[in-house]
């Protein structure tokens, strides 16, 4: 918002009458639009063409997916031990 004074040239300078008859005040509200233009551009970096080692790929899989079947293997080994122990007890 901006306060603006509108005057009629020359006539607004007449003492007493100029300010009363040939001058007006107003508030101007101005709206603007902001336009942002984005242009995509392919950037070639220093890492293009570098391949990952098998260890790095396995580590990334481990981080993303978690340990492979660790819990299930532990459960299977415990159940196998329990099964072996129960066979020994029955003999």
Protein backbone atom coordinates (compact mmCIF):
# COMPACT_ATOMS: atom_id res chain seq x y z
CA UNK A 1 0.00 0.00 0.00
CA UNK A 2 1.22 3.44 -0.86
CA UNK A 3 -0.18 6.85 0.03
CA UNK A 4 -0.35 9.08 -3.07
CA UNK A 5 -1.26 12.73 -3.62
CA UNK A 6 -2.86 13.67 -6.93
CA UNK A 7 -2.52 17.33 -8.05
CA UNK A 8 -3.72 19.33 -11.02
CA UNK A 9 -0.66 21.12 -12.41
CA UNK A 10 -0.51 24.87 -11.73
CA UNK A 11 -4.03 25.04 -10.19
CA UNK A 12 -2.98 23.00 -7.15
CA UNK A 13 -0.49 25.76 -6.28
CA UNK A 14 -3.21 28.39 -5.75
CA UNK A 15 -3.23 29.26 -2.04
CA UNK A 16 -6.20 27.84 -0.06
CA UNK A 17 -8.23 26.82 -3.13
CA UNK A 18 -5.51 24.67 -4.69
CA UNK A 19 -5.31 22.22 -1.78
CA UNK A 20 -9.08 22.05 -1.33
CA UNK A 21 -10.27 21.83 -4.94
CA UNK A 22 -7.38 20.61 -7.08
CA UNK A 23 -5.60 18.13 -4.82
CA UNK A 24 -6.66 14.67 -3.64
CA UNK A 25 -5.02 12.00 -1.53
CA UNK A 26 -5.41 8.30 -2.02
CA UNK A 27 -4.00 4.95 -1.09
CA UNK A 28 -2.86 2.78 -3.95
CA UNK A 29 -2.63 -0.96 -3.44
CA UNK A 30 -0.43 -2.57 -5.99
CA UNK A 31 -0.30 -6.29 -6.63
CA UNK A 32 2.51 -7.94 -8.48
CA UNK A 33 3.13 -11.46 -9.72
CA UNK A 34 6.45 -13.17 -9.24
CA UNK A 35 7.45 -15.50 -12.06
CA UNK A 36 10.38 -17.84 -11.58
CA UNK A 37 11.71 -19.54 -14.66
CA UNK A 38 13.61 -22.79 -14.20
CA UNK A 39 15.66 -24.26 -17.01
CA UNK A 40 16.89 -27.85 -16.56
CA UNK A 41 20.47 -28.51 -17.52
CA UNK A 42 22.48 -31.74 -17.49
CA UNK A 43 25.68 -31.34 -15.53
CA UNK A 44 28.52 -33.77 -16.14
CA UNK A 45 30.28 -34.45 -12.87
CA UNK A 46 33.65 -35.95 -12.04
CA UNK A 47 32.09 -39.27 -10.93
CA UNK A 48 30.54 -40.22 -14.26
CA UNK A 49 31.88 -43.55 -15.47
CA UNK A 50 33.15 -44.71 -12.08
CA UNK A 51 31.80 -48.15 -11.18
CA UNK A 52 31.06 -49.39 -7.68
CA UNK A 53 32.94 -52.32 -6.23
CA UNK A 54 31.02 -55.44 -5.21
CA UNK A 55 31.72 -54.66 -1.55
CA UNK A 56 30.17 -51.21 -1.93
CA UNK A 57 27.07 -52.61 -3.65
CA UNK A 58 26.67 -55.23 -0.88
CA UNK A 59 27.12 -52.57 1.80
CA UNK A 60 24.48 -50.34 0.19
CA UNK A 61 22.08 -53.29 0.02
CA UNK A 62 22.79 -54.05 3.68
CA UNK A 63 22.08 -50.44 4.68
CA UNK A 64 18.91 -50.18 2.57
CA UNK A 65 17.39 -53.64 3.12
CA UNK A 66 18.97 -54.62 6.41
CA UNK A 67 20.88 -57.82 7.15
CA UNK A 68 19.91 -60.67 4.83
CA UNK A 69 17.93 -63.33 6.70
CA UNK A 70 20.04 -62.97 9.86
CA UNK A 71 17.06 -63.39 12.17
CA UNK A 72 15.64 -66.32 10.24
CA UNK A 73 19.05 -68.08 10.17
CA UNK A 74 19.39 -67.60 13.94
CA UNK A 75 15.88 -68.98 14.50
CA UNK A 76 16.58 -71.95 12.22
CA UNK A 77 19.85 -72.75 13.97
CA UNK A 78 18.14 -72.63 17.40
CA UNK A 79 15.31 -74.87 16.24
CA UNK A 80 17.84 -77.28 14.70
CA UNK A 81 19.79 -77.38 17.99
CA UNK A 82 16.57 -77.96 19.92
CA UNK A 83 15.66 -80.75 17.52
CA UNK A 84 19.12 -82.36 17.88
CA UNK A 85 18.94 -82.13 21.68
CA UNK A 86 15.49 -83.71 21.77
CA UNK A 87 16.75 -86.62 19.64
CA UNK A 88 19.65 -87.15 22.05
CA UNK A 89 17.26 -87.15 25.02
CA UNK A 90 15.00 -89.73 23.41
CA UNK A 91 17.89 -92.16 22.83
